[in-house]
C-alpha cells in the first residue's frame, strides 16, 4: 500500500502545475547589487561575468533556491577603480534600493565598496578580489568568498621550492592593494625559505612601459623572477620581457586569464616558459559541475555576444557569488543581521569548490581549487600541478 501511495505521490508531483513546484517570489523580491567593470580596461571580463551572474539568478529563481524569494540583480559599472566603485555602490543602495551587494573585481575597488557597505550596513560579498583581509578589515557586513592572497601565495611558494631551482628572486608587482598584498606575503615566504630577494619593485598599474623595470633584472642576477600584475598589464609585461631578451625563468600570480592571455602573447610566453597560478582553467580534470557550467556559459556567451568565449575564474566566481547569496537568503532571509549570520554559517559545494567562512568572514581555502599552468612553446597551455 505504501509503495502505491509513493508512486501516486510521484505522479502528482510530476503533473503538478509549475506554481506548485517553484515558489520563487512568494516571499517577495530581493534586489542584489552587482558591481563589475563594464567599461574601462577590464570590461573584457565584466561583460561575461555579468552573463554568468545573470545565469545564476535565473537558475536560482527557476529552482527556488532562495527559499521563496526572487533574486533581482541590479548591475553597477564600477570600472575596477576605487572612486567609480564607491559611487556605484552608493547609487545602488540609495537609488536602486538594493538590500545586498556583490563585488568588486579589483581589490582597491572592493576596499572602497566595503567602506560604503559598512557605513550603510548593507551586507557585501567580495567574490573576486583577493587582497588579504578585505572583509576582516571592513566590518561585520563584509564577506570574502575569493581565496585571499596569503593562502594562494603559500601554495605558490611551495610549488616554487618544489619545481624550481633558485636561491635568489626578483619580485615585481603593481602598486595597488592587490600587488602590495602579494608582495608582502611573497617576500616573507621567500625569506622564510632562505631565498634572497635581490630586486623588489612596485610600478603604477596605469604605467604600460615596463622596460625601465625589466632592464634592472640582469644587473640584479636573480635566479627567478616572480610577478603579480593585473590581467590587462600582464600581456604588456610579458611582451616587453621577451623583447628585452631576458632568459631568467618567470613565474606569475594568477591574473593572466588562461587562453585569452595566450591569444595575446602566447608566443612570447611560450619562449619564456611562463608558469603561473590559476584558480580555474578549462581542462579534462574539471569536475562534472565545472564542465556543466563551462558548457552553459560558452553557449550563452556565444548567443549574447556572438563570439566564442574561454571561461575564466572570474566567470565562475560571479556565478558562485549569486548562488552563495541565494543560499544565505534561503537560510536566513534578506534582513542584514539574519543574512550575515546565515552567510557566516555557509557550508556549500558550488562550481569552484566548497565554501565555508572563517571567523573573519574570509573563505577557508582548503575547499577551493588552485592549479599551476605553463605556456608551451606553441602558445598552448598545460596543467603542471
Protein backbone atom coordinates (compact mmCIF):
# COMPACT_ATOMS: atom_id res chain seq x y z
CA UNK A 1 0.00 0.00 0.00
CA UNK A 2 2.81 2.35 0.93
CA UNK A 3 4.51 1.71 -2.43
CA UNK A 4 1.26 2.58 -4.25
CA UNK A 5 0.98 5.81 -2.27
CA UNK A 6 4.58 6.70 -3.02
CA UNK A 7 4.05 6.07 -6.71
CA UNK A 8 0.88 8.18 -6.67
CA UNK A 9 2.73 11.00 -4.92
CA UNK A 10 5.39 10.88 -7.59
CA UNK A 11 2.82 11.13 -10.37
CA UNK A 12 1.10 14.06 -8.65
CA UNK A 13 4.46 15.82 -8.25
CA UNK A 14 5.35 15.34 -11.89
CA UNK A 15 1.96 16.54 -13.09
CA UNK A 16 1.62 19.44 -10.68
CA UNK A 17 1.39 22.90 -12.21
CA UNK A 18 4.62 24.95 -12.24
CA UNK A 19 3.33 27.20 -9.47
CA UNK A 20 3.24 24.22 -7.12
CA UNK A 21 6.84 23.29 -7.86
CA UNK A 22 8.52 26.68 -7.91
CA UNK A 23 7.58 29.28 -5.35
CA UNK A 24 10.32 31.81 -6.05
CA UNK A 25 8.85 35.21 -5.29
CA UNK A 26 6.18 34.03 -2.87
CA UNK A 27 8.02 35.90 -0.09
CA UNK A 28 8.86 38.86 -2.30
CA UNK A 29 11.86 40.02 -4.32
CA UNK A 30 15.37 40.75 -3.05
CA UNK A 31 17.37 43.31 -5.01
CA UNK A 32 21.06 42.44 -5.17
CA UNK A 33 23.55 44.97 -6.49
CA UNK A 34 26.40 43.52 -8.53
CA UNK A 35 29.46 45.71 -9.12
CA UNK A 36 31.52 44.84 -12.20
CA UNK A 37 33.89 46.60 -14.61
CA UNK A 38 31.51 47.02 -17.56
CA UNK A 39 33.60 49.79 -19.15
CA UNK A 40 37.30 50.56 -18.99
CA UNK A 41 40.36 48.32 -19.32
CA UNK A 42 38.75 45.32 -17.60
CA UNK A 43 35.42 45.39 -19.41
CA UNK A 44 36.51 42.33 -21.42
CA UNK A 45 35.92 40.33 -18.21
CA UNK A 46 32.97 42.24 -16.85
CA UNK A 47 30.71 41.51 -19.80
CA UNK A 48 30.94 37.72 -19.37
CA UNK A 49 30.93 37.96 -15.57
CA UNK A 50 27.59 39.73 -15.94
CA UNK A 51 26.24 36.90 -18.08
CA UNK A 52 27.45 34.36 -15.51
CA UNK A 53 25.76 36.22 -12.65
CA UNK A 54 22.52 36.55 -14.62
CA UNK A 55 22.62 32.83 -15.44
CA UNK A 56 22.91 32.02 -11.74
CA UNK A 57 20.00 34.31 -10.85
CA UNK A 58 17.82 32.66 -13.49
CA UNK A 59 18.60 29.23 -12.07
CA UNK A 60 18.02 30.39 -8.50
CA UNK A 61 14.59 31.71 -9.41
CA UNK A 62 13.61 28.77 -11.61
CA UNK A 63 14.58 26.24 -8.92
CA UNK A 64 13.50 28.33 -5.91
CA UNK A 65 17.00 28.19 -4.39
CA UNK A 66 16.47 31.34 -2.32
CA UNK A 67 13.71 29.88 -0.17
CA UNK A 68 10.69 31.61 -1.67
CA UNK A 69 12.46 34.86 -2.52
CA UNK A 70 13.03 36.04 -6.07
CA UNK A 71 16.50 37.39 -6.81
CA UNK A 72 16.66 40.58 -8.88
CA UNK A 73 20.13 41.66 -9.94
CA UNK A 74 20.96 45.33 -10.48
CA UNK A 75 24.34 46.00 -12.08
CA UNK A 76 26.71 48.87 -11.45
CA UNK A 77 29.68 49.77 -13.64
CA UNK A 78 32.48 50.10 -11.10
CA UNK A 79 35.30 50.13 -13.72
CA UNK A 80 37.81 48.34 -11.45
CA UNK A 81 38.61 51.70 -9.84
CA UNK A 82 38.01 52.89 -6.25
CA UNK A 83 36.10 56.12 -6.96
CA UNK A 84 33.62 54.70 -9.52
CA UNK A 85 33.17 51.63 -7.32
CA UNK A 86 32.41 53.79 -4.29
CA UNK A 87 29.96 55.96 -6.25
CA UNK A 88 28.20 53.00 -7.87
CA UNK A 89 27.80 51.28 -4.51
CA UNK A 90 26.20 54.45 -3.16
CA UNK A 91 23.92 54.66 -6.19
CA UNK A 92 22.81 51.05 -5.90
CA UNK A 93 21.96 51.49 -2.23
CA UNK A 94 20.37 54.95 -2.27
CA UNK A 95 18.67 54.98 -5.67
CA UNK A 96 18.14 51.34 -6.64
CA UNK A 97 17.39 50.31 -3.04
CA UNK A 98 19.41 47.11 -3.20
CA UNK A 99 19.46 45.09 0.01
CA UNK A 100 22.68 43.20 -0.66
CA UNK A 101 25.88 43.76 -2.65
CA UNK A 102 28.32 41.59 -4.63
CA UNK A 103 31.66 42.83 -5.96
CA UNK A 104 34.04 44.26 -6.96
CA UNK A 105 36.72 42.96 -9.32
CA UNK A 106 39.88 44.88 -8.35
CA UNK A 107 40.97 44.82 -4.71
CA UNK A 108 41.29 48.60 -4.33
CA UNK A 109 37.77 48.99 -5.69
CA UNK A 110 36.45 46.32 -3.33
CA UNK A 111 38.01 48.11 -0.36
CA UNK A 112 36.11 51.25 -1.39
CA UNK A 113 32.85 49.31 -1.75
CA UNK A 114 33.37 47.64 1.63
CA UNK A 115 33.59 51.05 3.27
CA UNK A 116 30.24 52.03 1.78
CA UNK A 117 28.68 48.70 2.75
CA UNK A 118 29.86 49.06 6.33
CA UNK A 119 28.66 52.66 6.61
CA UNK A 120 25.25 51.81 5.16
CA UNK A 121 25.00 48.45 6.97
CA UNK A 122 24.36 46.64 3.69
CA UNK A 123 25.93 43.16 3.52
CA UNK A 124 28.63 42.76 0.86
CA UNK A 125 30.11 39.61 -0.69
CA UNK A 126 33.56 40.25 -2.18
CA UNK A 127 33.72 37.45 -4.72
CA UNK A 128 36.73 38.18 -6.95
CA UNK A 129 39.23 40.47 -5.20
CA UNK A 130 41.93 38.54 -3.34
CA UNK A 131 43.86 41.14 -1.32
CA UNK A 132 44.14 39.97 2.27
CA UNK A 133 41.58 40.90 4.90
CA UNK A 134 39.19 42.98 2.78
CA UNK A 135 36.27 41.55 4.74
CA UNK A 136 38.09 41.33 8.04
CA UNK A 137 39.12 44.99 7.93
CA UNK A 138 35.77 46.28 6.67
CA UNK A 139 33.46 45.34 9.49
CA UNK A 140 30.72 42.80 10.18
CA UNK A 141 28.78 43.31 6.95
CA UNK A 142 31.52 42.14 4.54
CA UNK A 143 32.38 38.60 3.46
CA UNK A 144 35.11 37.48 1.05
CA UNK A 145 34.44 34.29 -0.93
CA UNK A 146 37.63 34.50 -3.01
CA UNK A 147 40.83 32.84 -1.81
CA UNK A 148 42.91 35.54 -0.15
CA UNK A 149 46.42 36.29 -1.31
CA UNK A 150 48.16 34.88 1.73
CA UNK A 151 46.71 31.43 1.07
CA UNK A 152 47.43 31.37 -2.65
CA UNK A 153 50.96 32.66 -2.09
CA UNK A 154 51.61 29.85 0.38
CA UNK A 155 50.71 27.36 -2.34
CA UNK A 156 52.75 29.24 -4.91
CA UNK A 157 55.82 29.32 -2.67
CA UNK A 158 55.51 25.58 -2.07
CA UNK A 159 55.39 24.94 -5.83
CA UNK A 160 58.39 27.18 -6.47
CA UNK A 161 60.50 25.38 -3.89
CA UNK A 162 59.46 22.01 -5.29
CA UNK A 163 59.82 22.60 -9.04
CA UNK A 164 62.30 25.48 -9.44
CA UNK A 165 65.97 25.53 -8.51
CA UNK A 166 66.76 29.01 -7.22
CA UNK A 167 68.47 30.84 -4.40
CA UNK A 168 67.59 34.44 -5.30
CA UNK A 169 64.47 36.15 -6.63
CA UNK A 170 63.24 39.40 -8.11
CA UNK A 171 59.71 40.39 -7.08
CA UNK A 172 57.80 42.82 -9.30
CA UNK A 173 54.25 43.96 -8.56
CA UNK A 174 51.76 46.71 -9.29
CA UNK A 175 51.47 49.45 -6.70
CA UNK A 176 47.90 48.73 -5.54
CA UNK A 177 46.20 46.79 -2.74
CA UNK A 178 46.36 43.53 -4.66
CA UNK A 179 50.00 43.84 -5.68
CA UNK A 180 51.23 45.12 -2.34
CA UNK A 181 49.43 42.31 -0.51
CA UNK A 182 51.11 39.79 -2.83
CA UNK A 183 54.50 41.45 -2.35
CA UNK A 184 54.25 41.42 1.45
CA UNK A 185 53.35 37.74 1.54
CA UNK A 186 55.85 36.58 -1.06
CA UNK A 187 58.81 38.48 0.39
CA UNK A 188 58.09 36.94 3.80
CA UNK A 189 57.73 33.45 2.33
CA UNK A 190 60.94 33.72 0.33
CA UNK A 191 62.88 34.98 3.33
CA UNK A 192 61.46 32.21 5.48
CA UNK A 193 62.66 29.69 2.87
CA UNK A 194 66.14 31.19 2.96
CA UNK A 195 65.92 32.78 -0.51
CA UNK A 196 67.50 36.16 -1.18
CA UNK A 197 65.29 38.94 -2.59
CA UNK A 198 67.72 40.81 -4.86
CA UNK A 199 65.16 43.08 -6.55
CA UNK A 200 61.89 44.36 -5.10
CA UNK A 201 59.98 46.74 -7.39
CA UNK A 202 56.49 48.25 -7.50
CA UNK A 203 55.07 50.09 -10.50
CA UNK A 204 51.91 52.11 -11.09
CA UNK A 205 49.18 49.93 -12.65
CA UNK A 206 48.48 52.55 -15.33
CA UNK A 207 52.10 52.67 -16.50
CA UNK A 208 52.28 50.42 -19.56
CA UNK A 209 56.03 50.81 -20.06
CA UNK A 210 57.81 48.10 -18.08
CA UNK A 211 61.19 48.40 -19.80
CA UNK A 212 62.77 50.52 -17.06
CA UNK A 213 61.89 47.87 -14.51
CA UNK A 214 62.79 44.94 -16.75
CA UNK A 215 66.23 46.32 -17.58
CA UNK A 216 67.08 46.24 -13.85
CA UNK A 217 66.77 42.44 -13.80
CA UNK A 218 70.11 41.43 -15.46
CA UNK A 219 72.17 43.57 -13.08
CA UNK A 220 70.43 42.02 -10.06
CA UNK A 221 71.08 38.48 -11.36
CA UNK A 222 68.08 36.72 -9.81
CA UNK A 223 67.62 33.01 -10.41
CA UNK A 224 63.86 33.55 -10.72
CA UNK A 225 61.52 36.47 -11.42
CA UNK A 226 58.16 36.47 -9.60
CA UNK A 227 55.47 38.90 -10.73
CA UNK A 228 51.94 39.90 -9.76
CA UNK A 229 50.47 42.13 -12.46
CA UNK A 230 46.87 42.73 -13.49
CA UNK A 231 45.32 40.80 -16.36
CA UNK A 232 45.47 43.86 -18.63
CA UNK A 233 49.08 44.76 -17.86
CA UNK A 234 50.42 41.19 -17.79
CA UNK A 235 50.44 40.95 -21.59
CA UNK A 236 52.45 44.18 -21.85
CA UNK A 237 54.95 42.93 -19.29
CA UNK A 238 55.48 39.52 -20.92
CA UNK A 239 55.83 41.04 -24.38
CA UNK A 240 58.43 43.53 -23.17
CA UNK A 241 60.19 40.84 -21.09
CA UNK A 242 60.59 38.67 -24.19
CA UNK A 243 61.61 41.58 -26.40
CA UNK A 244 64.32 42.52 -23.89
CA UNK A 245 65.83 39.07 -24.32
CA UNK A 246 65.61 38.21 -20.62
CA UNK A 247 66.07 34.47 -20.12
CA UNK A 248 65.56 34.31 -16.35
CA UNK A 249 62.65 31.95 -15.56
CA UNK A 250 59.39 33.80 -14.92
CA UNK A 251 56.57 32.90 -12.53
CA UNK A 252 53.33 34.87 -12.39
CA UNK A 253 50.48 35.06 -9.93
CA UNK A 254 47.03 34.16 -11.30
CA UNK A 255 45.74 37.33 -13.10
CA UNK A 256 46.63 36.46 -16.75
CA UNK A 257 43.45 34.66 -17.94
CA UNK A 258 44.16 31.22 -19.47
CA UNK A 259 43.91 31.09 -23.27
CA UNK A 260 42.71 34.70 -23.54
CA UNK A 261 46.22 35.74 -22.45
CA UNK A 262 47.78 33.18 -24.81
CA UNK A 263 45.95 34.69 -27.77
CA UNK A 264 47.66 37.98 -26.93
CA UNK A 265 51.22 36.92 -26.17
CA UNK A 266 51.27 33.12 -26.30
CA UNK A 267 54.37 33.00 -28.49
CA UNK A 268 56.36 35.24 -26.16
CA UNK A 269 55.11 33.48 -23.02
CA UNK A 270 55.95 30.14 -24.60
CA UNK A 271 59.52 31.18 -25.37
CA UNK A 272 59.97 32.25 -21.76
CA UNK A 273 58.26 29.10 -20.47
CA UNK A 274 55.97 31.17 -18.28
CA UNK A 275 54.48 29.30 -15.33
CA UNK A 276 51.59 30.83 -13.45
CA UNK A 277 48.90 30.07 -10.93
CA UNK A 278 45.22 29.72 -11.81
CA UNK A 279 42.10 29.29 -9.74
CA UNK A 280 40.36 27.69 -12.69
CA UNK A 281 41.23 26.50 -16.18
CA UNK A 282 39.07 24.53 -18.57
CA UNK A 283 40.57 21.05 -18.83
CA UNK A 284 39.80 17.35 -18.73
CA UNK A 285 40.41 17.42 -14.99
CA UNK A 286 37.39 19.67 -14.37
CA UNK A 287 34.65 18.34 -12.11
CA UNK A 288 31.24 17.48 -13.59
CA UNK A 289 29.85 20.72 -12.12
CA UNK A 290 32.62 22.73 -13.77
CA UNK A 291 32.13 21.04 -17.12
CA UNK A 292 28.39 21.72 -16.94
CA UNK A 293 28.97 25.38 -16.13
CA UNK A 294 31.52 25.80 -18.93
CA UNK A 295 29.09 24.36 -21.47
CA UNK A 296 26.26 26.63 -20.31
CA UNK A 297 28.31 29.81 -20.23
CA UNK A 298 30.04 29.17 -23.54
CA UNK A 299 26.66 28.71 -25.22
CA UNK A 300 25.19 31.77 -23.53
CA UNK A 301 28.17 33.98 -24.38
CA UNK A 302 28.03 32.87 -28.00
CA UNK A 303 24.34 33.72 -28.15
CA UNK A 304 24.53 37.11 -26.41
CA UNK A 305 27.94 38.36 -27.56
CA UNK A 306 28.14 36.49 -30.86
CA UNK A 307 31.66 35.32 -30.05
CA UNK A 308 33.43 32.29 -28.66
CA UNK A 309 34.49 32.63 -25.04
CA UNK A 310 37.08 30.84 -22.91
CA UNK A 311 35.56 30.59 -19.46
CA UNK A 312 37.65 32.23 -16.73
CA UNK A 313 37.88 32.03 -12.96
CA UNK A 314 36.12 35.39 -12.77
CA UNK A 315 33.11 33.99 -14.63
CA UNK A 316 32.85 31.07 -12.23
CA UNK A 317 33.30 33.34 -9.20
CA UNK A 318 30.48 35.59 -10.44
CA UNK A 319 28.14 32.63 -10.83
CA UNK A 320 29.06 31.14 -7.46
CA UNK A 321 28.58 34.51 -5.72
CA UNK A 322 24.93 34.73 -6.72
CA UNK A 323 24.42 31.14 -5.60
CA UNK A 324 26.09 31.91 -2.25
CA UNK A 325 23.84 34.92 -1.72
CA UNK A 326 20.74 32.89 -2.59
CA UNK A 327 21.75 30.12 -0.19
CA UNK A 328 22.23 32.60 2.66
CA UNK A 329 18.85 34.21 1.91
CA UNK A 330 17.22 30.78 1.93
CA UNK A 331 18.61 30.02 5.39
CA UNK A 332 18.40 33.45 6.98
CA UNK A 333 16.28 35.77 4.88
CA UNK A 334 17.36 39.11 3.36
CA UNK A 335 17.44 41.24 6.53
CA UNK A 336 21.02 42.31 7.16
CA UNK A 337 21.64 40.77 10.59
CA UNK A 338 19.93 37.45 9.82
CA UNK A 339 21.51 37.24 6.38
CA UNK A 340 25.00 37.90 7.79
CA UNK A 341 24.52 35.20 10.40
CA UNK A 342 23.43 32.73 7.71
CA UNK A 343 26.32 33.67 5.41
CA UNK A 344 28.79 33.11 8.27
CA UNK A 345 27.40 29.58 8.70
CA UNK A 346 27.71 28.73 4.98
CA UNK A 347 28.71 25.20 4.02
CA UNK A 348 28.03 24.58 0.35
CA UNK A 349 29.58 22.94 -2.71
CA UNK A 350 29.44 25.06 -5.85
CA UNK A 351 31.36 25.24 -9.13
CA UNK A 352 34.75 26.37 -7.81
CA UNK A 353 34.60 24.06 -4.81
CA UNK A 354 33.48 24.00 -1.20
CA UNK A 355 32.72 27.26 0.58
CA UNK A 356 32.96 27.97 4.29
CA UNK A 357 33.95 31.18 6.09
CA UNK A 358 36.42 31.69 8.92
CA UNK A 359 35.93 33.90 11.98
CA UNK A 360 36.99 36.99 10.00
CA UNK A 361 34.45 36.23 7.24
CA UNK A 362 37.03 35.16 4.69
CA UNK A 363 36.65 31.96 2.69
CA UNK A 364 38.52 28.98 4.08
CA UNK A 365 41.00 27.99 1.37
CA UNK A 366 41.02 24.21 1.70
CA UNK A 367 37.92 23.58 -0.37
CA UNK A 368 38.82 25.89 -3.26
CA UNK A 369 40.61 24.86 -6.43
CA UNK A 370 44.14 26.02 -7.28
CA UNK A 371 46.31 24.82 -10.16
CA UNK A 372 49.50 25.77 -11.95
CA UNK A 373 49.82 26.08 -15.72
CA UNK A 374 52.68 26.51 -18.18
CA UNK A 375 52.57 28.19 -21.57
CA UNK A 376 54.19 25.82 -24.06
CA UNK A 377 56.39 26.96 -26.99
CA UNK A 378 53.46 26.61 -29.41
CA UNK A 379 51.41 29.07 -27.32
CA UNK A 380 49.09 26.47 -25.83
CA UNK A 381 48.87 25.73 -22.11
CA UNK A 382 49.30 22.66 -19.95
CA UNK A 383 48.36 21.99 -16.36
CA UNK A 384 51.57 21.17 -14.48
CA UNK A 385 50.14 20.62 -10.99
